[in-house]
């Protein structure tokens, strides 16, 4: 059971990093859209969409894993 909890905490760490990357990329694109005169939606790359999508996945996986950690039985 100890290894399973370790893997869940590791997954939470990965989720947090992915969430931060997604938020950063989304903020960068919003900032460009607001303040850049040359920005167009055609200039958005597929990898940027992938990072933002991964950020959304990270949010849902983070909450799902947190729920599993709360439900998992505690063994002494």
N, C-alpha and C. Protein backbone atom coordinates (compact mmCIF):
# COMPACT_ATOMS: atom_id res chain seq x y z
N UNK A 1 0.81 -1.19 0.00
CA UNK A 1 0.00 0.00 0.00
C UNK A 1 0.86 1.26 0.00
N UNK A 2 2.05 1.17 0.59
CA UNK A 2 2.92 2.34 0.67
C UNK A 2 3.37 2.77 -0.73
N UNK A 3 3.69 1.82 -1.59
CA UNK A 3 4.13 2.15 -2.94
C UNK A 3 3.00 2.81 -3.73
N UNK A 4 1.78 2.37 -3.53
CA UNK A 4 0.64 2.95 -4.23
C UNK A 4 0.47 4.42 -3.84
N UNK A 5 0.61 4.72 -2.56
CA UNK A 5 0.50 6.12 -2.13
C UNK A 5 1.65 6.95 -2.70
N UNK A 6 2.84 6.37 -2.80
CA UNK A 6 3.96 7.08 -3.39
C UNK A 6 3.67 7.42 -4.84
N UNK A 7 3.11 6.49 -5.58
CA UNK A 7 2.78 6.75 -6.98
C UNK A 7 1.70 7.82 -7.11
N UNK A 8 0.75 7.84 -6.18
CA UNK A 8 -0.28 8.88 -6.21
C UNK A 8 0.32 10.26 -5.94
N UNK A 9 1.23 10.35 -4.99
CA UNK A 9 1.87 11.63 -4.71
C UNK A 9 2.75 12.06 -5.87
N UNK A 10 3.41 11.11 -6.51
CA UNK A 10 4.21 11.42 -7.70
C UNK A 10 3.32 11.94 -8.82
N UNK A 11 2.15 11.32 -9.00
CA UNK A 11 1.21 11.77 -10.01
C UNK A 11 0.70 13.17 -9.70
N UNK A 12 0.47 13.46 -8.42
CA UNK A 12 0.05 14.81 -8.03
C UNK A 12 1.12 15.85 -8.38
N UNK A 13 2.38 15.50 -8.18
CA UNK A 13 3.47 16.40 -8.52
C UNK A 13 3.51 16.66 -10.02
N UNK A 14 3.38 15.60 -10.81
CA UNK A 14 3.37 15.74 -12.26
C UNK A 14 2.18 16.60 -12.70
N UNK A 15 1.02 16.35 -12.09
CA UNK A 15 -0.17 17.14 -12.44
C UNK A 15 0.04 18.62 -12.15
N UNK A 16 0.65 18.93 -11.02
CA UNK A 16 0.89 20.33 -10.69
C UNK A 16 1.82 21.00 -11.70
N UNK A 17 2.85 20.28 -12.14
CA UNK A 17 3.76 20.83 -13.15
C UNK A 17 3.05 21.05 -14.48
N UNK A 18 2.20 20.11 -14.87
CA UNK A 18 1.45 20.23 -16.12
C UNK A 18 0.44 21.38 -16.03
N UNK A 19 -0.20 21.52 -14.88
CA UNK A 19 -1.15 22.62 -14.68
C UNK A 19 -0.43 23.96 -14.80
N UNK A 20 0.74 24.08 -14.18
CA UNK A 20 1.49 25.33 -14.26
C UNK A 20 1.90 25.65 -15.69
N UNK A 21 2.33 24.64 -16.43
CA UNK A 21 2.70 24.86 -17.83
C UNK A 21 1.50 25.30 -18.65
N UNK A 22 0.35 24.69 -18.41
CA UNK A 22 -0.87 25.07 -19.14
C UNK A 22 -1.31 26.48 -18.82
N UNK A 23 -1.25 26.85 -17.54
CA UNK A 23 -1.64 28.21 -17.13
C UNK A 23 -0.68 29.24 -17.73
N UNK A 24 0.61 28.92 -17.72
CA UNK A 24 1.60 29.83 -18.29
C UNK A 24 1.34 30.04 -19.78
N UNK A 25 1.12 28.96 -20.51
CA UNK A 25 0.90 29.05 -21.95
C UNK A 25 -0.39 29.80 -22.27
N UNK A 26 -1.45 29.53 -21.51
CA UNK A 26 -2.71 30.22 -21.72
C UNK A 26 -2.56 31.71 -21.42
N UNK A 27 -1.86 32.05 -20.37
CA UNK A 27 -1.61 33.45 -20.03
C UNK A 27 -0.78 34.15 -21.09
N UNK A 28 0.19 33.44 -21.63
CA UNK A 28 1.02 34.01 -22.68
C UNK A 28 0.19 34.33 -23.92
N UNK A 29 -0.68 33.40 -24.31
CA UNK A 29 -1.53 33.63 -25.48
C UNK A 29 -2.54 34.74 -25.24
N UNK A 30 -3.12 34.80 -24.06
CA UNK A 30 -4.07 35.87 -23.74
C UNK A 30 -3.35 37.21 -23.75
N UNK A 31 -2.15 37.26 -23.18
CA UNK A 31 -1.38 38.49 -23.18
C UNK A 31 -1.03 38.94 -24.59
N UNK A 32 -0.65 38.00 -25.45
CA UNK A 32 -0.38 38.35 -26.84
C UNK A 32 -1.63 38.84 -27.55
N UNK A 33 -2.76 38.20 -27.27
CA UNK A 33 -4.01 38.60 -27.92
C UNK A 33 -4.43 40.01 -27.49
N UNK A 34 -4.17 40.37 -26.24
CA UNK A 34 -4.59 41.67 -25.74
C UNK A 34 -3.63 42.78 -26.18
N UNK A 35 -2.33 42.53 -26.08
CA UNK A 35 -1.36 43.61 -26.23
C UNK A 35 -0.61 43.63 -27.56
N UNK A 36 -0.71 42.59 -28.37
CA UNK A 36 0.04 42.56 -29.63
C UNK A 36 -0.85 42.98 -30.79
N UNK A 37 -0.30 43.83 -31.63
CA UNK A 37 -1.04 44.27 -32.81
C UNK A 37 -1.02 43.23 -33.91
N UNK A 38 -0.02 42.36 -33.90
CA UNK A 38 0.14 41.40 -34.99
C UNK A 38 -0.40 40.02 -34.66
N UNK A 39 -1.03 39.85 -33.50
CA UNK A 39 -1.53 38.53 -33.11
C UNK A 39 -2.76 38.15 -33.93
N UNK A 40 -2.79 36.89 -34.35
CA UNK A 40 -4.00 36.33 -34.98
C UNK A 40 -4.14 34.90 -34.50
N UNK A 41 -5.35 34.38 -34.57
CA UNK A 41 -5.58 33.02 -34.11
C UNK A 41 -4.90 32.01 -35.01
N UNK A 42 -4.55 32.39 -36.21
CA UNK A 42 -3.81 31.49 -37.11
C UNK A 42 -2.37 31.30 -36.66
N UNK A 43 -1.88 32.18 -35.80
CA UNK A 43 -0.49 32.06 -35.33
C UNK A 43 -0.35 31.11 -34.15
N UNK A 44 -1.45 30.56 -33.64
CA UNK A 44 -1.39 29.62 -32.52
C UNK A 44 -0.92 28.27 -33.06
N UNK A 45 0.12 27.73 -32.44
CA UNK A 45 0.70 26.45 -32.86
C UNK A 45 -0.02 25.29 -32.19
N UNK A 46 0.11 24.11 -32.78
CA UNK A 46 -0.55 22.92 -32.24
C UNK A 46 0.05 22.52 -30.90
N UNK A 47 1.34 22.74 -30.70
CA UNK A 47 1.95 22.38 -29.41
C UNK A 47 1.43 23.27 -28.29
N UNK A 48 1.07 24.52 -28.61
CA UNK A 48 0.50 25.40 -27.60
C UNK A 48 -0.89 24.90 -27.18
N UNK A 49 -1.66 24.45 -28.14
CA UNK A 49 -2.97 23.88 -27.83
C UNK A 49 -2.80 22.61 -27.00
N UNK A 50 -1.78 21.82 -27.33
CA UNK A 50 -1.51 20.60 -26.57
C UNK A 50 -1.13 20.87 -25.13
N UNK A 51 -0.31 21.90 -24.92
CA UNK A 51 0.08 22.24 -23.54
C UNK A 51 -1.12 22.73 -22.74
N UNK A 52 -1.96 23.55 -23.36
CA UNK A 52 -3.16 24.04 -22.66
C UNK A 52 -4.11 22.89 -22.37
N UNK A 53 -4.28 21.98 -23.33
CA UNK A 53 -5.13 20.80 -23.11
C UNK A 53 -4.57 19.91 -22.02
N UNK A 54 -3.25 19.77 -21.97
CA UNK A 54 -2.63 18.98 -20.90
C UNK A 54 -2.86 19.64 -19.55
N UNK A 55 -2.88 20.96 -19.52
CA UNK A 55 -3.17 21.67 -18.28
C UNK A 55 -4.56 21.36 -17.77
N UNK A 56 -5.54 21.32 -18.69
CA UNK A 56 -6.90 20.95 -18.28
C UNK A 56 -6.94 19.50 -17.79
N UNK A 57 -6.22 18.60 -18.48
CA UNK A 57 -6.15 17.21 -18.02
C UNK A 57 -5.55 17.17 -16.62
N UNK A 58 -4.50 17.96 -16.38
CA UNK A 58 -3.84 17.98 -15.07
C UNK A 58 -4.78 18.38 -13.95
N UNK A 59 -5.65 19.35 -14.22
CA UNK A 59 -6.61 19.79 -13.20
C UNK A 59 -7.55 18.65 -12.83
N UNK A 60 -8.14 18.00 -13.83
CA UNK A 60 -9.07 16.92 -13.54
C UNK A 60 -8.38 15.72 -12.88
N UNK A 61 -7.18 15.38 -13.34
CA UNK A 61 -6.44 14.27 -12.75
C UNK A 61 -6.00 14.59 -11.33
N UNK A 62 -5.66 15.84 -11.06
CA UNK A 62 -5.27 16.26 -9.72
C UNK A 62 -6.41 16.04 -8.73
N UNK A 63 -7.61 16.52 -9.10
CA UNK A 63 -8.74 16.35 -8.19
C UNK A 63 -9.16 14.89 -8.06
N UNK A 64 -9.04 14.11 -9.13
CA UNK A 64 -9.39 12.69 -9.07
C UNK A 64 -8.43 11.95 -8.13
N UNK A 65 -7.14 12.26 -8.22
CA UNK A 65 -6.15 11.62 -7.36
C UNK A 65 -6.29 12.07 -5.92
N UNK A 66 -6.61 13.33 -5.70
CA UNK A 66 -6.84 13.80 -4.34
C UNK A 66 -8.01 13.07 -3.70
N UNK A 67 -9.05 12.83 -4.49
CA UNK A 67 -10.20 12.10 -3.95
C UNK A 67 -9.79 10.66 -3.60
N UNK A 68 -8.96 10.05 -4.42
CA UNK A 68 -8.50 8.69 -4.13
C UNK A 68 -7.66 8.66 -2.85
N UNK A 69 -6.86 9.66 -2.64
CA UNK A 69 -6.03 9.70 -1.43
C UNK A 69 -6.89 9.87 -0.18
N UNK A 70 -7.98 10.58 -0.27
CA UNK A 70 -8.87 10.75 0.88
C UNK A 70 -9.65 9.47 1.18
N UNK A 71 -10.02 8.72 0.15
CA UNK A 71 -10.84 7.53 0.31
C UNK A 71 -10.00 6.31 0.72
N UNK A 72 -8.73 6.29 0.32
CA UNK A 72 -7.91 5.10 0.56
C UNK A 72 -7.79 4.84 2.05
N UNK A 73 -7.87 3.56 2.46
CA UNK A 73 -7.81 3.23 3.89
C UNK A 73 -6.41 3.49 4.46
N UNK A 74 -6.37 3.85 5.72
CA UNK A 74 -5.11 4.07 6.42
C UNK A 74 -4.73 2.80 7.18
N UNK A 75 -3.53 2.33 6.92
CA UNK A 75 -3.04 1.14 7.61
C UNK A 75 -1.90 1.55 8.53
N UNK A 76 -1.93 1.07 9.76
CA UNK A 76 -0.86 1.38 10.73
C UNK A 76 0.15 0.27 10.77
